[in-house]
Amino acid sequence: MYASVKKVANFIKWVVLVLLGISLLFFVLGFILSSFAANEGFAQAAQQDSVEIFVTSNGVHTDLVLPIATPHIDWRTKLPLHHFATANNSDSHVAFGWGDRRFYIETPEWKDLTPGVAISAALWPTKTAMHVEYIENPLIPNKYQLPIKLSPEQYQELVRYVLTSFQSENGGFMLIEGAGYTGDDNFYEAHRKFYLLKNCNNWVNQGLKAAGAKAALWAPFPYAIMRHYR
């Protein structure tokens, strides 16, 4: 009996040590690889027709924040205002955040996070959703809201990247009914699978790469992206 208990205890100890080792490796690789930049020669566009976007961070998650209407796209044609209870034509920007579908919908606040949702999102590929939020006022640059000026061509590449992240049906994005947190936001079905190595921050980072903007080689954490624009 004692030998069996000891074996179980040793096994649990081994599992804990392995998980700690993997976690440490994840953080170390994240720090090292985010130090190196893709598109290192990128310079913010200075021409009159440049488009200013923002990357925002809450310390855990990053979003791409784009102007609602430009000569390149009016997002209201893709994300109709009638999908949002309180959004209106005076709003200035729209935020896009890609992530684990279950995590998004079941965790409106961090206090709602359960171990099952967290483990599921971290350890194996899961279905994804796009969180969309209409924003009333222009963003003020600060360390959590960093502006990036793109050329028209770069912005068009970013728009293409965002558009192809949504699932479509009959020419429109697939709204997840009743999942929004407020009257200004909503969720839509998204392409690709979410897992630890390809998370919400990597989605934002890949969008910047696609646009030819400066980005990290790998960005599992918000600082991996933000450090290149501060």
C-alpha atoms as a PDB file:
ATOM      1  CA  MET A   1       0.000   0.000   0.000  1.00  0.00           C
ATOM      2  CA  TYR A   2       2.763   2.413   1.010  1.00  0.00           C
ATOM      3  CA  ALA A   3       4.703   1.575  -2.170  1.00  0.00           C
ATOM      4  CA  SER A   4       1.648   2.320  -4.331  1.00  0.00           C
ATOM      5  CA  VAL A   5       1.066   5.688  -2.643  1.00  0.00           C
ATOM      6  CA  LYS A   6       4.738   6.528  -3.095  1.00  0.00           C
ATOM      7  CA  LYS A   7       4.552   5.676  -6.805  1.00  0.00           C
ATOM      8  CA  VAL A   8       1.502   7.917  -7.245  1.00  0.00           C
ATOM      9  CA  ALA A   9       3.208  10.746  -5.344  1.00  0.00           C
ATOM     10  CA  ASN A  10       6.353  10.398  -7.459  1.00  0.00           C
ATOM     11  CA  PHE A  11       4.274  10.410 -10.649  1.00  0.00           C
ATOM     12  CA  ILE A  12       2.435  13.586  -9.584  1.00  0.00           C
ATOM     13  CA  LYS A  13       5.747  15.196  -8.679  1.00  0.00           C
ATOM     14  CA  TRP A  14       7.150  14.271 -12.088  1.00  0.00           C
ATOM     15  CA  VAL A  15       4.108  15.711 -13.891  1.00  0.00           C
ATOM     16  CA  VAL A  16       4.354  18.965 -11.920  1.00  0.00           C
ATOM     17  CA  LEU A  17       8.052  19.298 -12.684  1.00  0.00           C
ATOM     18  CA  VAL A  18       7.458  18.652 -16.401  1.00  0.00           C
ATOM     19  CA  LEU A  19       4.667  21.271 -16.517  1.00  0.00           C
ATOM     20  CA  LEU A  20       6.863  23.781 -14.682  1.00  0.00           C
ATOM     21  CA  GLY A  21       9.681  23.097 -17.121  1.00  0.00           C
ATOM     22  CA  ILE A  22       7.421  23.556 -20.142  1.00  0.00           C
ATOM     23  CA  SER A  23       6.025  26.799 -18.669  1.00  0.00           C
ATOM     24  CA  LEU A  24       9.519  28.142 -18.027  1.00  0.00           C
ATOM     25  CA  LEU A  25      10.613  27.220 -21.563  1.00  0.00           C
ATOM     26  CA  PHE A  26       7.504  28.926 -22.978  1.00  0.00           C
ATOM     27  CA  PHE A  27       8.257  32.197 -21.166  1.00  0.00           C
ATOM     28  CA  VAL A  28      11.960  32.118 -22.028  1.00  0.00           C
ATOM     29  CA  LEU A  29      11.312  31.444 -25.732  1.00  0.00           C
ATOM     30  CA  GLY A  30       8.612  34.125 -25.744  1.00  0.00           C
ATOM     31  CA  PHE A  31      11.057  36.676 -24.354  1.00  0.00           C
ATOM     32  CA  ILE A  32      13.902  35.710 -26.684  1.00  0.00           C
ATOM     33  CA  LEU A  33      11.944  35.399 -29.927  1.00  0.00           C
ATOM     34  CA  SER A  34       9.998  38.611 -29.290  1.00  0.00           C
ATOM     35  CA  SER A  35      13.313  40.451 -29.094  1.00  0.00           C
ATOM     36  CA  PHE A  36      13.855  39.880 -32.806  1.00  0.00           C
ATOM     37  CA  ALA A  37      11.746  41.877 -35.239  1.00  0.00           C
ATOM     38  CA  ALA A  38      10.153  40.908 -38.519  1.00  0.00           C
ATOM     39  CA  ASN A  39       9.962  43.749 -41.061  1.00  0.00           C
ATOM     40  CA  GLU A  40      12.634  45.540 -39.060  1.00  0.00           C
ATOM     41  CA  GLY A  41      13.029  48.196 -41.751  1.00  0.00           C
ATOM     42  CA  PHE A  42       9.416  49.332 -41.351  1.00  0.00           C
ATOM     43  CA  ALA A  43       8.921  53.083 -41.017  1.00  0.00           C
ATOM     44  CA  GLN A  44       5.565  54.588 -40.117  1.00  0.00           C
ATOM     45  CA  ALA A  45       3.930  56.081 -43.197  1.00  0.00           C
ATOM     46  CA  ALA A  46       4.152  59.848 -43.479  1.00  0.00           C
ATOM     47  CA  GLN A  47       2.071  60.498 -46.582  1.00  0.00           C
ATOM     48  CA  GLN A  48      -1.213  62.344 -46.379  1.00  0.00           C
ATOM     49  CA  ASP A  49      -3.308  59.310 -47.281  1.00  0.00           C
ATOM     50  CA  SER A  50      -1.742  57.062 -44.605  1.00  0.00           C
ATOM     51  CA  VAL A  51      -4.099  55.180 -42.283  1.00  0.00           C
ATOM     52  CA  GLU A  52      -3.590  55.277 -38.526  1.00  0.00           C
ATOM     53  CA  ILE A  53      -4.435  52.101 -36.645  1.00  0.00           C
ATOM     54  CA  PHE A  54      -3.888  51.171 -33.008  1.00  0.00           C
ATOM     55  CA  VAL A  55      -2.696  48.085 -31.183  1.00  0.00           C
ATOM     56  CA  THR A  56      -4.217  47.963 -27.696  1.00  0.00           C
ATOM     57  CA  SER A  57      -3.324  45.807 -24.699  1.00  0.00           C
ATOM     58  CA  ASN A  58      -4.973  45.007 -21.381  1.00  0.00           C
ATOM     59  CA  GLY A  59      -1.831  43.242 -20.166  1.00  0.00           C
ATOM     60  CA  VAL A  60      -2.981  39.794 -21.273  1.00  0.00           C
ATOM     61  CA  HIS A  61      -4.727  40.275 -24.605  1.00  0.00           C
ATOM     62  CA  THR A  62      -4.147  42.559 -27.604  1.00  0.00           C
ATOM     63  CA  ASP A  63      -6.548  43.942 -30.214  1.00  0.00           C
ATOM     64  CA  LEU A  64      -6.254  45.599 -33.598  1.00  0.00           C
ATOM     65  CA  VAL A  65      -8.240  48.849 -33.628  1.00  0.00           C
ATOM     66  CA  LEU A  66      -9.064  50.216 -37.080  1.00  0.00           C
ATOM     67  CA  PRO A  67     -10.958  53.294 -38.304  1.00  0.00           C
ATOM     68  CA  ILE A  68     -14.556  52.478 -39.149  1.00  0.00           C
ATOM     69  CA  ALA A  69     -14.538  54.084 -42.573  1.00  0.00           C
ATOM     70  CA  THR A  70     -11.693  54.766 -45.002  1.00  0.00           C
ATOM     71  CA  PRO A  71     -11.529  54.824 -48.815  1.00  0.00           C
ATOM     72  CA  HIS A  72     -10.434  51.185 -48.530  1.00  0.00           C
ATOM     73  CA  ILE A  73     -13.321  49.758 -46.488  1.00  0.00           C
ATOM     74  CA  ASP A  74     -16.335  50.785 -44.428  1.00  0.00           C
ATOM     75  CA  TRP A  75     -16.564  48.137 -41.721  1.00  0.00           C
ATOM     76  CA  ARG A  76     -20.282  48.831 -41.258  1.00  0.00           C
ATOM     77  CA  THR A  77     -20.895  47.014 -44.547  1.00  0.00           C
ATOM     78  CA  LYS A  78     -19.414  43.869 -43.003  1.00  0.00           C
ATOM     79  CA  LEU A  79     -20.474  44.411 -39.380  1.00  0.00           C
ATOM     80  CA  PRO A  80     -23.923  46.014 -39.667  1.00  0.00           C
ATOM     81  CA  LEU A  81     -24.933  48.347 -36.858  1.00  0.00           C
ATOM     82  CA  HIS A  82     -28.174  46.445 -36.296  1.00  0.00           C
ATOM     83  CA  HIS A  83     -26.057  43.615 -34.861  1.00  0.00           C
ATOM     84  CA  PHE A  84     -25.104  46.000 -32.028  1.00  0.00           C
ATOM     85  CA  ALA A  85     -27.683  47.451 -29.640  1.00  0.00           C
ATOM     86  CA  THR A  86     -25.964  50.781 -28.969  1.00  0.00           C
ATOM     87  CA  ALA A  87     -23.414  51.251 -31.768  1.00  0.00           C
ATOM     88  CA  ASN A  88     -24.149  54.119 -34.149  1.00  0.00           C
ATOM     89  CA  ASN A  89     -22.793  56.046 -37.116  1.00  0.00           C
ATOM     90  CA  SER A  90     -20.913  58.501 -34.908  1.00  0.00           C
ATOM     91  CA  ASP A  91     -18.534  55.784 -33.650  1.00  0.00           C
ATOM     92  CA  SER A  92     -14.980  56.295 -34.875  1.00  0.00           C
ATOM     93  CA  HIS A  93     -13.186  52.933 -34.605  1.00  0.00           C
ATOM     94  CA  VAL A  94     -13.783  49.223 -34.458  1.00  0.00           C
ATOM     95  CA  ALA A  95     -11.659  46.775 -32.421  1.00  0.00           C
ATOM     96  CA  PHE A  96     -10.886  43.211 -33.505  1.00  0.00           C
ATOM     97  CA  GLY A  97      -9.716  40.483 -31.146  1.00  0.00           C
ATOM     98  CA  TRP A  98      -9.359  36.823 -32.144  1.00  0.00           C
ATOM     99  CA  GLY A  99      -9.357  34.053 -29.575  1.00  0.00           C
ATOM    100  CA  ASP A 100     -10.669  30.849 -28.053  1.00  0.00           C
ATOM    101  CA  ARG A 101     -14.436  30.738 -28.603  1.00  0.00           C
ATOM    102  CA  ARG A 102     -15.369  29.135 -25.291  1.00  0.00           C
ATOM    103  CA  PHE A 103     -12.982  31.332 -23.299  1.00  0.00           C
ATOM    104  CA  TYR A 104     -14.415  34.476 -24.892  1.00  0.00           C
ATOM    105  CA  ILE A 105     -18.074  33.628 -24.407  1.00  0.00           C
ATOM    106  CA  GLU A 106     -17.879  32.039 -20.948  1.00  0.00           C
ATOM    107  CA  THR A 107     -15.444  34.559 -19.442  1.00  0.00           C
ATOM    108  CA  PRO A 108     -16.843  38.113 -19.664  1.00  0.00           C
ATOM    109  CA  GLU A 109     -14.695  38.959 -16.603  1.00  0.00           C
ATOM    110  CA  TRP A 110     -11.577  37.295 -15.178  1.00  0.00           C
ATOM    111  CA  LYS A 111     -13.527  36.215 -12.088  1.00  0.00           C
ATOM    112  CA  ASP A 112     -15.645  34.043 -14.422  1.00  0.00           C
ATOM    113  CA  LEU A 113     -12.659  32.000 -15.588  1.00  0.00           C
ATOM    114  CA  THR A 114     -12.849  28.321 -14.670  1.00  0.00           C
ATOM    115  CA  PRO A 115      -9.961  25.786 -14.659  1.00  0.00           C
ATOM    116  CA  GLY A 116     -11.695  23.745 -17.351  1.00  0.00           C
ATOM    117  CA  VAL A 117     -11.902  26.674 -19.764  1.00  0.00           C
ATOM    118  CA  ALA A 118      -8.315  27.743 -19.077  1.00  0.00           C
ATOM    119  CA  ILE A 119      -6.871  24.240 -19.520  1.00  0.00           C
ATOM    120  CA  SER A 120      -8.900  23.620 -22.672  1.00  0.00           C
ATOM    121  CA  ALA A 121      -7.731  26.878 -24.250  1.00  0.00           C
ATOM    122  CA  ALA A 122      -4.090  26.274 -23.352  1.00  0.00           C
ATOM    123  CA  LEU A 123      -3.493  22.616 -24.087  1.00  0.00           C
ATOM    124  CA  TRP A 124      -5.190  21.688 -27.359  1.00  0.00           C
ATOM    125  CA  PRO A 125      -6.582  23.328 -30.521  1.00  0.00           C
ATOM    126  CA  THR A 126     -10.049  24.794 -29.989  1.00  0.00           C
ATOM    127  CA  LYS A 127     -12.709  26.623 -32.004  1.00  0.00           C
ATOM    128  CA  THR A 128     -12.266  30.367 -32.326  1.00  0.00           C
ATOM    129  CA  ALA A 129     -14.333  33.529 -32.378  1.00  0.00           C
ATOM    130  CA  MET A 130     -13.739  37.123 -33.385  1.00  0.00           C
ATOM    131  CA  HIS A 131     -14.612  39.743 -30.783  1.00  0.00           C
ATOM    132  CA  VAL A 132     -15.729  42.980 -32.419  1.00  0.00           C
ATOM    133  CA  GLU A 133     -16.348  46.222 -30.551  1.00  0.00           C
ATOM    134  CA  TYR A 134     -17.466  49.579 -31.906  1.00  0.00           C
ATOM    135  CA  ILE A 135     -15.636  52.466 -30.201  1.00  0.00           C
ATOM    136  CA  GLU A 136     -17.219  55.887 -29.885  1.00  0.00           C
ATOM    137  CA  ASN A 137     -14.223  58.208 -29.474  1.00  0.00           C
ATOM    138  CA  PRO A 138     -10.803  58.286 -31.164  1.00  0.00           C
ATOM    139  CA  LEU A 139      -8.134  56.586 -29.073  1.00  0.00           C
ATOM    140  CA  ILE A 140      -5.554  58.620 -27.169  1.00  0.00           C
ATOM    141  CA  PRO A 141      -2.029  57.228 -27.558  1.00  0.00           C
ATOM    142  CA  ASN A 142      -0.491  55.842 -24.372  1.00  0.00           C
ATOM    143  CA  LYS A 143       1.512  52.771 -23.387  1.00  0.00           C
ATOM    144  CA  TYR A 144      -1.604  50.593 -23.695  1.00  0.00           C
ATOM    145  CA  GLN A 145      -2.835  52.141 -26.962  1.00  0.00           C
ATOM    146  CA  LEU A 146      -0.072  52.485 -29.518  1.00  0.00           C
ATOM    147  CA  PRO A 147      -0.683  54.154 -32.903  1.00  0.00           C
ATOM    148  CA  ILE A 148       0.810  52.807 -36.126  1.00  0.00           C
ATOM    149  CA  LYS A 149       0.593  54.649 -39.447  1.00  0.00           C
ATOM    150  CA  LEU A 150       0.314  52.407 -42.489  1.00  0.00           C
ATOM    151  CA  SER A 151       0.479  53.237 -46.159  1.00  0.00           C
ATOM    152  CA  PRO A 152      -2.727  52.563 -48.153  1.00  0.00           C
ATOM    153  CA  GLU A 153      -1.176  49.379 -49.548  1.00  0.00           C
ATOM    154  CA  GLN A 154      -0.162  48.155 -46.104  1.00  0.00           C
ATOM    155  CA  TYR A 155      -3.598  48.889 -44.694  1.00  0.00           C
ATOM    156  CA  GLN A 156      -5.254  46.963 -47.518  1.00  0.00           C
ATOM    157  CA  GLU A 157      -3.112  43.930 -46.644  1.00  0.00           C
ATOM    158  CA  LEU A 158      -4.155  44.237 -42.991  1.00  0.00           C
ATOM    159  CA  VAL A 159      -7.816  44.511 -43.981  1.00  0.00           C
ATOM    160  CA  ARG A 160      -7.464  41.381 -46.109  1.00  0.00           C
ATOM    161  CA  TYR A 161      -5.925  39.555 -43.150  1.00  0.00           C
ATOM    162  CA  VAL A 162      -8.778  40.544 -40.824  1.00  0.00           C
ATOM    163  CA  LEU A 163     -11.476  39.707 -43.376  1.00  0.00           C
ATOM    164  CA  THR A 164     -10.102  36.216 -43.973  1.00  0.00           C
ATOM    165  CA  SER A 165     -10.116  35.545 -40.217  1.00  0.00           C
ATOM    166  CA  PHE A 166     -13.948  35.581 -40.185  1.00  0.00           C
ATOM    167  CA  GLN A 167     -16.117  32.668 -41.216  1.00  0.00           C
ATOM    168  CA  SER A 168     -18.686  33.682 -43.830  1.00  0.00           C
ATOM    169  CA  GLU A 169     -22.082  32.366 -44.828  1.00  0.00           C
ATOM    170  CA  ASN A 170     -24.179  33.688 -47.715  1.00  0.00           C
ATOM    171  CA  GLY A 171     -21.756  36.568 -48.120  1.00  0.00           C
ATOM    172  CA  GLY A 172     -21.930  37.756 -44.511  1.00  0.00           C
ATOM    173  CA  PHE A 173     -20.042  37.120 -41.280  1.00  0.00           C
ATOM    174  CA  MET A 174     -21.559  34.541 -38.926  1.00  0.00           C
ATOM    175  CA  LEU A 175     -22.843  36.331 -35.817  1.00  0.00           C
ATOM    176  CA  ILE A 176     -22.900  34.352 -32.559  1.00  0.00           C
ATOM    177  CA  GLU A 177     -26.279  35.409 -31.209  1.00  0.00           C
ATOM    178  CA  GLY A 178     -26.525  36.739 -27.657  1.00  0.00           C
ATOM    179  CA  ALA A 179     -22.829  36.426 -26.861  1.00  0.00           C
ATOM    180  CA  GLY A 180     -21.787  40.091 -26.626  1.00  0.00           C
ATOM    181  CA  TYR A 181     -20.887  41.672 -23.299  1.00  0.00           C
ATOM    182  CA  THR A 182     -22.416  45.116 -23.984  1.00  0.00           C
ATOM    183  CA  GLY A 183     -24.469  46.889 -26.618  1.00  0.00           C
ATOM    184  CA  ASP A 184     -21.298  47.914 -28.460  1.00  0.00           C
ATOM    185  CA  ASP A 185     -19.674  44.520 -28.943  1.00  0.00           C
ATOM    186  CA  ASN A 186     -20.405  41.116 -30.416  1.00  0.00           C
ATOM    187  CA  PHE A 187     -18.811  37.807 -31.390  1.00  0.00           C
ATOM    188  CA  TYR A 188     -18.545  36.173 -34.790  1.00  0.00           C
ATOM    189  CA  GLU A 189     -17.389  32.714 -35.859  1.00  0.00           C
ATOM    190  CA  ALA A 190     -13.718  32.737 -36.869  1.00  0.00           C
ATOM    191  CA  HIS A 191     -11.292  30.649 -38.875  1.00  0.00           C
ATOM    192  CA  ARG A 192      -8.255  28.794 -37.521  1.00  0.00           C
ATOM    193  CA  LYS A 193      -7.735  26.938 -34.256  1.00  0.00           C
ATOM    194  CA  PHE A 194      -6.596  28.494 -30.985  1.00  0.00           C
ATOM    195  CA  TYR A 195      -3.885  26.925 -28.842  1.00  0.00           C
ATOM    196  CA  LEU A 196      -1.016  28.031 -26.651  1.00  0.00           C
ATOM    197  CA  LEU A 197       1.475  28.562 -29.473  1.00  0.00           C
ATOM    198  CA  LYS A 198      -1.065  30.383 -31.673  1.00  0.00           C
ATOM    199  CA  ASN A 199      -3.039  32.594 -29.348  1.00  0.00           C
ATOM    200  CA  CYS A 200      -4.761  35.992 -29.522  1.00  0.00           C
ATOM    201  CA  ASN A 201      -1.500  37.943 -29.390  1.00  0.00           C
ATOM    202  CA  ASN A 202       0.011  35.895 -32.175  1.00  0.00           C
ATOM    203  CA  TRP A 203      -3.042  36.709 -34.293  1.00  0.00           C
ATOM    204  CA  VAL A 204      -2.416  40.450 -33.870  1.00  0.00           C
ATOM    205  CA  ASN A 205       1.313  39.978 -34.492  1.00  0.00           C
ATOM    206  CA  GLN A 206       0.667  37.999 -37.671  1.00  0.00           C
ATOM    207  CA  GLY A 207      -1.643  40.771 -38.889  1.00  0.00           C
ATOM    208  CA  LEU A 208       1.125  43.317 -38.486  1.00  0.00           C
ATOM    209  CA  LYS A 209       3.506  40.994 -40.322  1.00  0.00           C
ATOM    210  CA  ALA A 210       1.017  40.585 -43.157  1.00  0.00           C
ATOM    211  CA  ALA A 211       0.779  44.361 -43.474  1.00  0.00           C
ATOM    212  CA  GLY A 212       4.550  44.716 -43.635  1.00  0.00           C
ATOM    213  CA  ALA A 213       4.652  46.494 -40.278  1.00  0.00           C
ATOM    214  CA  LYS A 214       7.219  45.811 -37.602  1.00  0.00           C
ATOM    215  CA  ALA A 215       6.354  42.751 -35.524  1.00  0.00           C
ATOM    216  CA  ALA A 216       7.946  40.148 -33.305  1.00  0.00           C
ATOM    217  CA  LEU A 217       9.174  36.847 -34.699  1.00  0.00           C
ATOM    218  CA  TRP A 218       6.798  35.214 -32.191  1.00  0.00           C
ATOM    219  CA  ALA A 219       4.436  37.021 -29.833  1.00  0.00           C
ATOM    220  CA  PRO A 220       2.716  34.896 -27.176  1.00  0.00           C
ATOM    221  CA  PHE A 221       2.434  37.905 -24.824  1.00  0.00           C
ATOM    222  CA  PRO A 222       1.279  41.514 -25.319  1.00  0.00           C
ATOM    223  CA  TYR A 223       4.670  43.019 -24.492  1.00  0.00           C
ATOM    224  CA  ALA A 224       6.177  41.032 -27.367  1.00  0.00           C
ATOM    225  CA  ILE A 225       4.198  43.249 -29.754  1.00  0.00           C
ATOM    226  CA  MET A 226       4.070  46.509 -27.802  1.00  0.00           C
ATOM    227  CA  ARG A 227       7.823  46.653 -27.167  1.00  0.00           C
ATOM    228  CA  HIS A 228       8.456  47.304 -30.865  1.00  0.00           C
ATOM    229  CA  TYR A 229       6.335  50.480 -30.905  1.00  0.00           C
ATOM    230  CA  ARG A 230       7.044  52.106 -27.540  1.00  0.00           C
END
